[in-house]
Amino acid sequence: MHNVCCSVECQIIYTTSQLAKLRKTNVFNATFHIWHHGHFGTINKLRLGRLPSAPVDWAEINAAWGQVTLLLVSLARYMNLKFEKYRLVPYGNHSYVEVLGEKKTLPLYGQGGIRFVWNTKFDLAMVAFLDCLQQFKEEVEKGNSGFHLPYRMEKGKIEDSATGNTYNIRIQLNSEEGWTKALKFMLTNLKWGLGWVSAKINHEM
């Protein structure tokens, strides 16, 4: 009987500790992991960008954009933030941006090739996404917390605060190195935003 009681007590202690761990684990940190792989920013191990020495497959890039879109939509929803001008639609590797009031959609996915290079819709979608991220940044930085995302964003460009250099998020008339660096900085801003929201959730718990 004593052994049975000990076993039950051990199970209760174990279950309680696991429940405590689950309570401390918020869904954002558990679902989205932003990191880097060499020159690439990554989300859930998916690389975002391309280099002459590492021509990442478009299927991977498109899947990464799907994760990025889902993350920003989720963060904005948590903060009750509605983006001006745009609606982000996470749809896996075919995510897109709706331009409000224009009945127009912009694809957050590409496929490569000559025809794609001269198609501006993907560029416009990425610029729109960066605009939404800027709106999120402004919302996060309200008040007197002193918290700021590390990279300044404006009109499709992102600035390296360390050097003052700016990088274009458009793929047209841009180098793959420049585009990939812009995406890496964008992901870093998202990572900081994710950390801020996660800390807020943990504080509320």
N, C-alpha and C. Protein backbone atom coordinates (compact mmCIF):
# COMPACT_ATOMS: atom_id res chain seq x y z
N MET A 1 0.83 -1.20 0.00
CA MET A 1 0.00 0.00 0.00
C MET A 1 0.88 1.27 0.00
N HIS A 2 1.96 1.18 0.80
CA HIS A 2 2.88 2.32 0.88
C HIS A 2 3.49 2.63 -0.48
N ASN A 3 3.87 1.57 -1.21
CA ASN A 3 4.47 1.75 -2.54
C ASN A 3 3.50 2.38 -3.52
N VAL A 4 2.22 1.97 -3.41
CA VAL A 4 1.17 2.53 -4.28
C VAL A 4 1.02 4.02 -4.02
N CYS A 5 1.00 4.39 -2.73
CA CYS A 5 0.85 5.80 -2.36
C CYS A 5 2.02 6.63 -2.89
N CYS A 6 3.24 6.07 -2.75
CA CYS A 6 4.43 6.77 -3.25
C CYS A 6 4.35 6.96 -4.76
N SER A 7 3.86 5.91 -5.43
CA SER A 7 3.74 5.98 -6.89
C SER A 7 2.75 7.06 -7.30
N VAL A 8 1.61 7.12 -6.61
CA VAL A 8 0.60 8.13 -6.92
C VAL A 8 1.14 9.53 -6.64
N GLU A 9 1.84 9.68 -5.51
CA GLU A 9 2.42 10.98 -5.16
C GLU A 9 3.45 11.42 -6.20
N CYS A 10 4.27 10.46 -6.65
CA CYS A 10 5.27 10.77 -7.69
C CYS A 10 4.61 11.22 -8.98
N GLN A 11 3.51 10.54 -9.34
CA GLN A 11 2.78 10.91 -10.56
C GLN A 11 2.19 12.31 -10.44
N ILE A 12 1.66 12.62 -9.25
CA ILE A 12 1.08 13.94 -9.02
C ILE A 12 2.16 15.02 -9.12
N ILE A 13 3.31 14.76 -8.48
CA ILE A 13 4.42 15.72 -8.53
C ILE A 13 4.89 15.93 -9.96
N TYR A 14 5.03 14.82 -10.71
CA TYR A 14 5.49 14.89 -12.10
C TYR A 14 4.49 15.67 -12.95
N THR A 15 3.20 15.34 -12.80
CA THR A 15 2.15 16.00 -13.58
C THR A 15 2.10 17.49 -13.27
N THR A 16 2.24 17.83 -11.99
CA THR A 16 2.22 19.23 -11.58
C THR A 16 3.39 20.00 -12.19
N SER A 17 4.57 19.37 -12.17
CA SER A 17 5.76 20.04 -12.73
C SER A 17 5.62 20.22 -14.24
N GLN A 18 5.05 19.22 -14.93
CA GLN A 18 4.85 19.32 -16.38
C GLN A 18 3.84 20.41 -16.71
N LEU A 19 2.79 20.52 -15.88
CA LEU A 19 1.77 21.55 -16.08
C LEU A 19 2.38 22.94 -15.90
N ALA A 20 3.26 23.06 -14.90
CA ALA A 20 3.94 24.34 -14.67
C ALA A 20 4.80 24.71 -15.87
N LYS A 21 5.48 23.71 -16.45
CA LYS A 21 6.30 23.96 -17.64
C LYS A 21 5.44 24.42 -18.81
N LEU A 22 4.30 23.76 -18.99
CA LEU A 22 3.40 24.11 -20.09
C LEU A 22 2.88 25.54 -19.94
N ARG A 23 2.59 25.92 -18.69
CA ARG A 23 2.09 27.27 -18.45
C ARG A 23 3.13 28.32 -18.79
N LYS A 24 4.40 27.97 -18.57
CA LYS A 24 5.48 28.90 -18.86
C LYS A 24 5.84 28.93 -20.34
N THR A 25 5.41 27.91 -21.08
CA THR A 25 5.71 27.84 -22.51
C THR A 25 4.60 28.54 -23.28
N ASN A 26 4.89 29.70 -23.88
CA ASN A 26 3.84 30.35 -24.65
C ASN A 26 3.89 29.87 -26.09
N VAL A 27 2.76 29.98 -26.74
CA VAL A 27 2.58 29.37 -28.06
C VAL A 27 3.52 29.97 -29.10
N PHE A 28 3.86 31.25 -28.97
CA PHE A 28 4.72 31.89 -29.96
C PHE A 28 6.12 31.29 -29.94
N ASN A 29 6.70 31.18 -28.75
CA ASN A 29 8.05 30.61 -28.65
C ASN A 29 8.08 29.15 -29.07
N ALA A 30 6.99 28.45 -28.80
CA ALA A 30 6.94 27.02 -29.14
C ALA A 30 6.76 26.80 -30.63
N THR A 31 6.15 27.76 -31.32
CA THR A 31 5.79 27.58 -32.73
C THR A 31 6.79 28.19 -33.69
N PHE A 32 7.41 29.30 -33.30
CA PHE A 32 8.28 30.03 -34.23
C PHE A 32 9.70 30.14 -33.67
N HIS A 33 10.64 29.67 -34.44
CA HIS A 33 12.05 29.77 -34.03
C HIS A 33 12.81 30.53 -35.12
N ILE A 34 13.24 31.73 -34.80
CA ILE A 34 13.99 32.57 -35.74
C ILE A 34 15.46 32.54 -35.36
N TRP A 35 16.30 32.25 -36.32
CA TRP A 35 17.73 32.14 -36.06
C TRP A 35 18.47 32.53 -37.33
N HIS A 36 19.69 32.05 -37.50
CA HIS A 36 20.45 32.35 -38.72
C HIS A 36 21.26 31.12 -39.11
N HIS A 37 21.53 31.04 -40.40
CA HIS A 37 22.34 29.95 -40.95
C HIS A 37 23.32 30.58 -41.92
N GLY A 38 24.52 30.88 -41.43
CA GLY A 38 25.47 31.62 -42.25
C GLY A 38 24.94 33.01 -42.56
N HIS A 39 24.88 33.36 -43.84
CA HIS A 39 24.40 34.68 -44.25
C HIS A 39 22.87 34.78 -44.26
N PHE A 40 22.19 33.68 -44.02
CA PHE A 40 20.73 33.65 -44.12
C PHE A 40 20.07 33.81 -42.76
N GLY A 41 18.97 34.57 -42.74
CA GLY A 41 18.06 34.49 -41.61
C GLY A 41 17.16 33.29 -41.83
N THR A 42 16.76 32.62 -40.74
CA THR A 42 15.91 31.43 -40.87
C THR A 42 14.72 31.52 -39.93
N ILE A 43 13.64 30.88 -40.32
CA ILE A 43 12.49 30.72 -39.45
C ILE A 43 12.09 29.25 -39.51
N ASN A 44 12.08 28.62 -38.37
CA ASN A 44 11.82 27.17 -38.29
C ASN A 44 12.71 26.40 -39.26
N LYS A 45 13.99 26.80 -39.31
CA LYS A 45 15.04 26.17 -40.12
C LYS A 45 14.89 26.39 -41.62
N LEU A 46 13.94 27.23 -42.02
CA LEU A 46 13.76 27.56 -43.44
C LEU A 46 14.53 28.83 -43.76
N ARG A 47 15.38 28.79 -44.78
CA ARG A 47 16.18 29.96 -45.15
C ARG A 47 15.35 30.94 -45.98
N LEU A 48 15.59 32.22 -45.72
CA LEU A 48 14.89 33.27 -46.45
C LEU A 48 15.92 34.10 -47.21
N GLY A 49 15.97 33.92 -48.52
CA GLY A 49 16.93 34.63 -49.35
C GLY A 49 17.64 33.67 -50.30
N ARG A 50 18.51 34.24 -51.14
CA ARG A 50 19.30 33.44 -52.09
C ARG A 50 20.66 34.11 -52.28
N LEU A 51 21.66 33.30 -52.54
CA LEU A 51 23.00 33.80 -52.84
C LEU A 51 23.55 33.05 -54.04
N PRO A 52 24.45 33.67 -54.81
CA PRO A 52 25.05 32.95 -55.93
C PRO A 52 25.72 31.65 -55.48
N SER A 53 26.30 31.67 -54.29
CA SER A 53 26.97 30.48 -53.77
C SER A 53 26.01 29.51 -53.08
N ALA A 54 24.78 29.95 -52.84
CA ALA A 54 23.78 29.11 -52.17
C ALA A 54 22.40 29.43 -52.74
N PRO A 55 22.09 28.93 -53.95
CA PRO A 55 20.80 29.22 -54.59
C PRO A 55 19.67 28.43 -53.93
N VAL A 56 19.15 28.98 -52.85
CA VAL A 56 18.08 28.32 -52.10
C VAL A 56 16.88 28.08 -53.01
N ASP A 57 16.29 26.91 -52.90
CA ASP A 57 15.14 26.56 -53.72
C ASP A 57 13.95 27.46 -53.36
N TRP A 58 13.18 27.82 -54.40
CA TRP A 58 12.05 28.71 -54.15
C TRP A 58 10.99 28.07 -53.26
N ALA A 59 10.89 26.77 -53.26
CA ALA A 59 9.92 26.10 -52.38
C ALA A 59 10.25 26.41 -50.91
N GLU A 60 11.55 26.44 -50.59
CA GLU A 60 11.96 26.75 -49.21
C GLU A 60 11.71 28.22 -48.88
N ILE A 61 12.03 29.10 -49.83
CA ILE A 61 11.80 30.53 -49.61
C ILE A 61 10.31 30.81 -49.42
N ASN A 62 9.48 30.22 -50.27
CA ASN A 62 8.03 30.43 -50.17
C ASN A 62 7.47 29.91 -48.86
N ALA A 63 7.98 28.76 -48.41
CA ALA A 63 7.53 28.20 -47.13
C ALA A 63 7.95 29.11 -45.98
N ALA A 64 9.16 29.69 -46.08
CA ALA A 64 9.62 30.63 -45.06
C ALA A 64 8.73 31.86 -45.00
N TRP A 65 8.36 32.38 -46.18
CA TRP A 65 7.45 33.54 -46.21
C TRP A 65 6.10 33.19 -45.57
N GLY A 66 5.65 31.96 -45.77
CA GLY A 66 4.41 31.53 -45.14
C GLY A 66 4.50 31.58 -43.63
N GLN A 67 5.63 31.11 -43.07
CA GLN A 67 5.83 31.13 -41.62
C GLN A 67 5.95 32.57 -41.10
N VAL A 68 6.66 33.40 -41.84
CA VAL A 68 6.84 34.79 -41.45
C VAL A 68 5.50 35.52 -41.43
N THR A 69 4.69 35.28 -42.45
CA THR A 69 3.37 35.92 -42.53
C THR A 69 2.48 35.47 -41.38
N LEU A 70 2.47 34.17 -41.11
CA LEU A 70 1.67 33.64 -40.01
C LEU A 70 2.10 34.25 -38.68
N LEU A 71 3.41 34.41 -38.49
CA LEU A 71 3.91 34.98 -37.24
C LEU A 71 3.45 36.42 -37.06
N LEU A 72 3.63 37.26 -38.08
CA LEU A 72 3.26 38.67 -37.94
C LEU A 72 1.75 38.82 -37.75
N VAL A 73 0.96 38.03 -38.46
CA VAL A 73 -0.49 38.07 -38.28
C VAL A 73 -0.85 37.68 -36.85
N SER A 74 -0.20 36.66 -36.32
CA SER A 74 -0.49 36.19 -34.96
C SER A 74 -0.10 37.23 -33.91
N LEU A 75 1.06 37.87 -34.10
CA LEU A 75 1.50 38.90 -33.16
C LEU A 75 0.55 40.10 -33.20
N ALA A 76 0.15 40.50 -34.40
CA ALA A 76 -0.77 41.64 -34.54
C ALA A 76 -2.12 41.32 -33.91
N ARG A 77 -2.59 40.10 -34.09
CA ARG A 77 -3.87 39.69 -33.52
C ARG A 77 -3.82 39.74 -32.00
N TYR A 78 -2.71 39.29 -31.43
CA TYR A 78 -2.56 39.32 -29.98
C TYR A 78 -2.64 40.76 -29.46
N MET A 79 -2.09 41.69 -30.24
CA MET A 79 -2.06 43.09 -29.83
C MET A 79 -3.29 43.88 -30.29
N ASN A 80 -4.24 43.19 -30.91
CA ASN A 80 -5.44 43.84 -31.46
C ASN A 80 -5.06 44.95 -32.45
N LEU A 81 -4.03 44.67 -33.23
CA LEU A 81 -3.56 45.64 -34.23
C LEU A 81 -4.10 45.28 -35.60
N LYS A 82 -4.79 46.23 -36.22
CA LYS A 82 -5.25 46.06 -37.60
C LYS A 82 -4.39 46.93 -38.50
N PHE A 83 -3.80 46.30 -39.49
CA PHE A 83 -2.90 47.03 -40.37
C PHE A 83 -3.67 47.98 -41.28
N GLU A 84 -3.09 49.15 -41.50
CA GLU A 84 -3.66 50.08 -42.47
C GLU A 84 -3.23 49.68 -43.87
N LYS A 85 -4.12 49.80 -44.80
CA LYS A 85 -3.88 49.59 -46.25
C LYS A 85 -3.79 48.12 -46.67
N TYR A 86 -3.37 47.24 -45.76
CA TYR A 86 -3.12 45.85 -46.18
C TYR A 86 -3.74 44.84 -45.22
N ARG A 87 -3.99 43.65 -45.76
CA ARG A 87 -4.35 42.50 -44.94
C ARG A 87 -3.44 41.35 -45.34
N LEU A 88 -2.69 40.83 -44.37
CA LEU A 88 -1.80 39.70 -44.63
C LEU A 88 -2.59 38.40 -44.52
N VAL A 89 -2.41 37.53 -45.50
CA VAL A 89 -3.15 36.27 -45.53
C VAL A 89 -2.15 35.11 -45.52
N PRO A 90 -1.94 34.48 -44.35
CA PRO A 90 -1.03 33.32 -44.30
C PRO A 90 -1.68 32.11 -44.96
N TYR A 91 -1.02 31.55 -45.95
CA TYR A 91 -1.58 30.43 -46.70
C TYR A 91 -0.46 29.50 -47.14
N GLY A 92 0.35 29.10 -46.14
CA GLY A 92 1.45 28.19 -46.44
C GLY A 92 2.44 28.82 -47.41
N ASN A 93 2.85 28.04 -48.41
CA ASN A 93 3.84 28.55 -49.37
C ASN A 93 3.21 29.38 -50.49
N HIS A 94 1.92 29.72 -50.32
CA HIS A 94 1.25 30.62 -51.26
C HIS A 94 0.57 31.77 -50.50
N SER A 95 1.23 32.26 -49.46
CA SER A 95 0.69 33.39 -48.70
C SER A 95 0.67 34.64 -49.57
N TYR A 96 -0.18 35.58 -49.21
CA TYR A 96 -0.30 36.78 -50.04
C TYR A 96 -0.77 37.98 -49.22
N VAL A 97 -0.77 39.13 -49.87
CA VAL A 97 -1.20 40.38 -49.25
C VAL A 97 -2.39 40.91 -50.02
N GLU A 98 -3.44 41.27 -49.30
CA GLU A 98 -4.59 41.95 -49.91
C GLU A 98 -4.40 43.45 -49.75
N VAL A 99 -4.54 44.18 -50.84
CA VAL A 99 -4.49 45.64 -50.78
C VAL A 99 -5.91 46.13 -50.53
N LEU A 100 -6.15 46.67 -49.35
CA LEU A 100 -7.50 47.04 -48.94
C LEU A 100 -8.04 48.16 -49.82
N GLY A 101 -9.29 48.00 -50.22
CA GLY A 101 -9.94 49.03 -51.03
C GLY A 101 -9.63 48.97 -52.50
N GLU A 102 -8.74 48.06 -52.91
CA GLU A 102 -8.36 47.98 -54.32
C GLU A 102 -8.70 46.64 -54.96
N LYS A 103 -9.20 45.71 -54.17
CA LYS A 103 -9.53 44.36 -54.67
C LYS A 103 -8.34 43.76 -55.42
N LYS A 104 -7.16 43.94 -54.82
CA LYS A 104 -5.93 43.47 -55.46
C LYS A 104 -5.17 42.60 -54.48
N THR A 105 -4.58 41.51 -54.98
CA THR A 105 -3.75 40.65 -54.14
C THR A 105 -2.32 40.61 -54.68
N LEU A 106 -1.39 40.53 -53.76
CA LEU A 106 0.04 40.49 -54.11
C LEU A 106 0.65 39.22 -53.53
N PRO A 107 1.33 38.42 -54.34
CA PRO A 107 1.84 37.13 -53.87
C PRO A 107 3.13 37.26 -53.06
N LEU A 108 3.15 36.63 -51.89
CA LEU A 108 4.37 36.55 -51.09
C LEU A 108 5.08 35.23 -51.40
N TYR A 109 5.23 34.95 -52.66
CA TYR A 109 5.93 33.74 -53.10
C TYR A 109 6.45 33.97 -54.52
N GLY A 110 7.51 33.28 -54.85
CA GLY A 110 8.11 33.42 -56.17
C GLY A 110 8.38 32.07 -56.80
N GLN A 111 8.88 32.10 -58.03
CA GLN A 111 9.16 30.84 -58.72
C GLN A 111 10.41 30.90 -59.59
N GLY A 112 11.07 32.07 -59.62
CA GLY A 112 12.28 32.18 -60.41
C GLY A 112 12.00 32.31 -61.89
N GLY A 113 13.06 32.36 -62.68
CA GLY A 113 12.91 32.47 -64.14
C GLY A 113 12.90 33.92 -64.60
N ILE A 114 13.09 34.12 -65.90
CA ILE A 114 13.16 35.46 -66.48
C ILE A 114 11.84 36.21 -66.31
N ARG A 115 10.73 35.53 -66.55
CA ARG A 115 9.43 36.19 -66.44
C ARG A 115 9.19 36.69 -65.02
N PHE A 116 9.61 35.89 -64.04
CA PHE A 116 9.42 36.26 -62.64
C PHE A 116 10.25 37.50 -62.28
N VAL A 117 11.47 37.57 -62.81
CA VAL A 117 12.37 38.68 -62.48
C VAL A 117 11.73 40.02 -62.84
N TRP A 118 10.95 40.04 -63.92
CA TRP A 118 10.34 41.29 -64.36
C TRP A 118 8.91 41.47 -63.86
N ASN A 119 8.46 40.57 -63.00
CA ASN A 119 7.13 40.69 -62.41
C ASN A 119 7.26 41.44 -61.08
N THR A 120 6.63 42.60 -60.98
CA THR A 120 6.83 43.45 -59.80
C THR A 120 5.92 43.08 -58.62
N LYS A 121 4.98 42.17 -58.82
CA LYS A 121 3.99 41.90 -57.76
C LYS A 121 4.64 41.33 -56.49
N PHE A 122 5.63 40.45 -56.67
CA PHE A 122 6.32 39.88 -55.51
C PHE A 122 7.04 40.99 -54.74
N ASP A 123 7.69 41.89 -55.47
CA ASP A 123 8.36 43.03 -54.83
C ASP A 123 7.36 43.88 -54.06
N LEU A 124 6.22 44.17 -54.68
CA LEU A 124 5.20 44.99 -54.03
C LEU A 124 4.67 44.30 -52.78
N ALA A 125 4.55 42.98 -52.83
CA ALA A 125 4.09 42.22 -51.67
C ALA A 125 5.08 42.33 -50.52
N MET A 126 6.38 42.23 -50.82
CA MET A 126 7.39 42.32 -49.77
C MET A 126 7.45 43.73 -49.18
N VAL A 127 7.29 44.75 -50.02
CA VAL A 127 7.25 46.13 -49.53
C VAL A 127 6.03 46.31 -48.62
N ALA A 128 4.89 45.74 -49.01
CA ALA A 128 3.68 45.83 -48.19
C ALA A 128 3.88 45.12 -46.85
N PHE A 129 4.54 43.96 -46.89
CA PHE A 129 4.81 43.23 -45.65
C PHE A 129 5.68 44.07 -44.72
N LEU A 130 6.71 44.70 -45.28
CA LEU A 130 7.60 45.53 -44.46
C LEU A 130 6.85 46.72 -43.88
N ASP A 131 5.88 47.25 -44.62
CA ASP A 131 5.04 48.34 -44.13
C ASP A 131 4.23 47.86 -42.93
N CYS A 132 3.69 46.65 -43.01
CA CYS A 132 2.93 46.08 -41.88
C CYS A 132 3.84 45.86 -40.67
N LEU A 133 5.05 45.40 -40.93
CA LEU A 133 6.01 45.20 -39.84
C LEU A 133 6.37 46.54 -39.19
N GLN A 134 6.45 47.59 -40.00
CA GLN A 134 6.71 48.93 -39.47
C GLN A 134 5.56 49.39 -38.57
N GLN A 135 4.32 49.10 -38.99
CA GLN A 135 3.16 49.44 -38.16
C GLN A 135 3.20 48.69 -36.83
N PHE A 136 3.60 47.42 -36.89
CA PHE A 136 3.76 46.63 -35.66
C PHE A 136 4.86 47.24 -34.78
N LYS A 137 5.96 47.64 -35.40
CA LYS A 137 7.08 48.27 -34.68
C LYS A 137 6.61 49.52 -33.94
N GLU A 138 5.84 50.35 -34.62
CA GLU A 138 5.35 51.59 -34.01
C GLU A 138 4.43 51.29 -32.83
N GLU A 139 3.62 50.25 -32.95
CA GLU A 139 2.72 49.86 -31.86
C GLU A 139 3.52 49.36 -30.65
N VAL A 140 4.52 48.54 -30.92
CA VAL A 140 5.36 47.98 -29.85
C VAL A 140 6.12 49.08 -29.11
N GLU A 141 6.56 50.09 -29.85
CA GLU A 141 7.43 51.12 -29.27
C GLU A 141 6.66 52.27 -28.63
N LYS A 142 5.33 52.16 -28.59
CA LYS A 142 4.53 53.19 -27.91
C LYS A 142 4.82 53.17 -26.41
N GLY A 143 4.59 54.29 -25.77
CA GLY A 143 4.77 54.34 -24.32
C GLY A 143 6.21 54.63 -23.92
N ASN A 144 6.50 54.37 -22.66
CA ASN A 144 7.80 54.74 -22.10
C ASN A 144 8.65 53.53 -21.75
N SER A 145 8.41 52.41 -22.42
CA SER A 145 9.16 51.20 -22.07
C SER A 145 10.63 51.30 -22.49
N GLY A 146 10.91 52.13 -23.50
CA GLY A 146 12.27 52.25 -23.99
C GLY A 146 12.68 51.13 -24.93
N PHE A 147 11.72 50.24 -25.24
CA PHE A 147 12.02 49.10 -26.12
C PHE A 147 11.94 49.54 -27.58
N HIS A 148 12.92 49.13 -28.38
CA HIS A 148 12.94 49.45 -29.80
C HIS A 148 13.43 48.25 -30.60
N LEU A 149 12.81 48.02 -31.76
CA LEU A 149 13.34 47.01 -32.67
C LEU A 149 14.65 47.55 -33.27
N PRO A 150 15.60 46.68 -33.56
CA PRO A 150 16.96 47.15 -33.88
C PRO A 150 17.15 47.84 -35.22
N TYR A 151 16.30 47.52 -36.22
CA TYR A 151 16.55 48.05 -37.57
C TYR A 151 15.41 48.96 -38.03
N ARG A 152 15.78 50.12 -38.53
CA ARG A 152 14.79 51.08 -39.03
C ARG A 152 14.31 50.65 -40.41
N MET A 153 13.01 50.78 -40.64
CA MET A 153 12.41 50.37 -41.91
C MET A 153 11.63 51.53 -42.51
N GLU A 154 11.73 51.69 -43.82
CA GLU A 154 10.99 52.75 -44.49
C GLU A 154 10.94 52.50 -45.98
N LYS A 155 9.72 52.50 -46.53
CA LYS A 155 9.50 52.42 -47.98
C LYS A 155 10.28 51.29 -48.64
N GLY A 156 10.16 50.11 -48.07
CA GLY A 156 10.77 48.94 -48.69
C GLY A 156 12.25 48.79 -48.43
N LYS A 157 12.80 49.63 -47.57
CA LYS A 157 14.22 49.53 -47.25
C LYS A 157 14.41 49.35 -45.75
N ILE A 158 15.53 48.74 -45.39
CA ILE A 158 15.84 48.50 -43.99
C ILE A 158 17.29 48.91 -43.75
N GLU A 159 17.52 49.61 -42.66
CA GLU A 159 18.83 50.22 -42.41
C GLU A 159 19.62 49.45 -41.37
N ASP A 160 20.88 49.20 -41.69
CA ASP A 160 21.80 48.61 -40.73
C ASP A 160 22.29 49.72 -39.81
N SER A 161 21.82 49.72 -38.57
CA SER A 161 22.13 50.81 -37.65
C SER A 161 23.63 50.88 -37.34
N ALA A 162 24.34 49.77 -37.49
CA ALA A 162 25.77 49.75 -37.17
C ALA A 162 26.60 50.49 -38.22
N THR A 163 26.18 50.38 -39.48
CA THR A 163 26.97 50.97 -40.57
C THR A 163 26.28 52.15 -41.26
N GLY A 164 24.95 52.25 -41.09
CA GLY A 164 24.19 53.28 -41.79
C GLY A 164 23.80 52.88 -43.20
N ASN A 165 24.23 51.70 -43.64
CA ASN A 165 23.88 51.21 -44.98
C ASN A 165 22.41 50.77 -45.01
N THR A 166 21.76 51.01 -46.15
CA THR A 166 20.38 50.56 -46.30
C THR A 166 20.31 49.44 -47.33
N TYR A 167 19.37 48.54 -47.12
CA TYR A 167 19.21 47.38 -48.01
C TYR A 167 17.76 47.30 -48.45
N ASN A 168 17.59 47.03 -49.75
CA ASN A 168 16.27 47.01 -50.37
C ASN A 168 15.67 45.62 -50.26
N ILE A 169 14.39 45.58 -49.88
CA ILE A 169 13.73 44.28 -49.77
C ILE A 169 13.20 43.81 -51.12
N ARG A 170 13.24 44.69 -52.12
CA ARG A 170 12.83 44.28 -53.46
C ARG A 170 13.90 43.38 -54.08
N ILE A 171 13.46 42.48 -54.94
CA ILE A 171 14.40 41.61 -55.63
C ILE A 171 14.81 42.19 -56.98
N GLN A 172 13.94 43.04 -57.56
CA GLN A 172 14.25 43.67 -58.84
C GLN A 172 15.36 44.70 -58.68
N LEU A 173 16.25 44.76 -59.64
CA LEU A 173 17.34 45.75 -59.64
C LEU A 173 18.11 45.73 -58.32
N ASN A 174 18.31 44.55 -57.80
CA ASN A 174 18.99 44.38 -56.52
C ASN A 174 19.92 43.18 -56.63
N SER A 175 20.96 43.15 -55.83
CA SER A 175 21.81 41.96 -55.78
C SER A 175 21.19 40.93 -54.84
N GLU A 176 21.49 39.67 -55.07
CA GLU A 176 20.99 38.63 -54.17
C GLU A 176 21.54 38.83 -52.76
N GLU A 177 22.79 39.31 -52.68
CA GLU A 177 23.40 39.55 -51.37
C GLU A 177 22.64 40.65 -50.61
N GLY A 178 22.29 41.74 -51.32
CA GLY A 178 21.57 42.83 -50.69
C GLY A 178 20.18 42.41 -50.26
N TRP A 179 19.50 41.67 -51.12
CA TRP A 179 18.15 41.19 -50.81
C TRP A 179 18.18 40.26 -49.59
N THR A 180 19.13 39.36 -49.57
CA THR A 180 19.23 38.39 -48.48
C THR A 180 19.54 39.08 -47.16
N LYS A 181 20.38 40.12 -47.21
CA LYS A 181 20.70 40.85 -45.98
C LYS A 181 19.48 41.61 -45.47
N ALA A 182 18.71 42.21 -46.38
CA ALA A 182 17.48 42.91 -45.98
C ALA A 182 16.53 41.94 -45.29
N LEU A 183 16.40 40.74 -45.84
CA LEU A 183 15.50 39.74 -45.25
C LEU A 183 16.01 39.28 -43.88
N LYS A 184 17.32 39.17 -43.74
CA LYS A 184 17.90 38.76 -42.45
C LYS A 184 17.61 39.82 -41.38
N PHE A 185 17.76 41.10 -41.74
CA PHE A 185 17.46 42.17 -40.80
C PHE A 185 15.97 42.21 -40.46
N MET A 186 15.13 41.97 -41.47
CA MET A 186 13.69 41.92 -41.25
C MET A 186 13.34 40.83 -40.24
N LEU A 187 13.95 39.64 -40.42
CA LEU A 187 13.70 38.54 -39.49
C LEU A 187 14.20 38.87 -38.09
N THR A 188 15.31 39.60 -38.00
CA THR A 188 15.82 40.00 -36.68
C THR A 188 14.82 40.92 -35.98
N ASN A 189 14.24 41.87 -36.72
CA ASN A 189 13.20 42.72 -36.14
C ASN A 189 12.02 41.87 -35.66
N LEU A 190 11.64 40.90 -36.46
CA LEU A 190 10.54 40.02 -36.07
C LEU A 190 10.89 39.23 -34.81
N LYS A 191 12.13 38.77 -34.73
CA LYS A 191 12.58 38.01 -33.57
C LYS A 191 12.47 38.86 -32.30
N TRP A 192 12.88 40.11 -32.39
CA TRP A 192 12.78 41.01 -31.24
C TRP A 192 11.31 41.27 -30.89
N GLY A 193 10.48 41.45 -31.92
CA GLY A 193 9.05 41.64 -31.67
C GLY A 193 8.43 40.42 -31.01
N LEU A 194 8.83 39.25 -31.48
CA LEU A 194 8.37 37.99 -30.89
C LEU A 194 8.78 37.91 -29.42
N GLY A 195 10.03 38.29 -29.13
CA GLY A 195 10.52 38.27 -27.75
C GLY A 195 9.74 39.22 -26.86
N TRP A 196 9.41 40.40 -27.40
CA TRP A 196 8.66 41.39 -26.62
C TRP A 196 7.26 40.88 -26.28
N VAL A 197 6.58 40.33 -27.27
CA VAL A 197 5.23 39.80 -27.03
C VAL A 197 5.29 38.60 -26.08
N SER A 198 6.28 37.73 -26.25
CA SER A 198 6.42 36.56 -25.38
C SER A 198 6.64 36.98 -23.93
N ALA A 199 7.48 38.00 -23.72
CA ALA A 199 7.72 38.50 -22.36
C ALA A 199 6.43 39.07 -21.76
N LYS A 200 5.65 39.73 -22.61
CA LYS A 200 4.38 40.31 -22.17
C LYS A 200 3.41 39.19 -21.75
N ILE A 201 3.38 38.13 -22.54
CA ILE A 201 2.51 36.99 -22.22
C ILE A 201 2.95 36.34 -20.91
N ASN A 202 4.25 36.13 -20.75
CA ASN A 202 4.77 35.50 -19.53
C ASN A 202 4.47 36.35 -18.30
N HIS A 203 4.54 37.68 -18.46
CA HIS A 203 4.23 38.59 -17.35
C HIS A 203 2.76 38.47 -16.96
N GLU A 204 1.89 38.34 -17.97
CA GLU A 204 0.45 38.22 -17.71
C GLU A 204 0.11 36.90 -17.04
N MET A 205 0.94 35.86 -17.32
CA MET A 205 0.69 34.55 -16.73
C MET A 205 1.08 34.53 -15.25
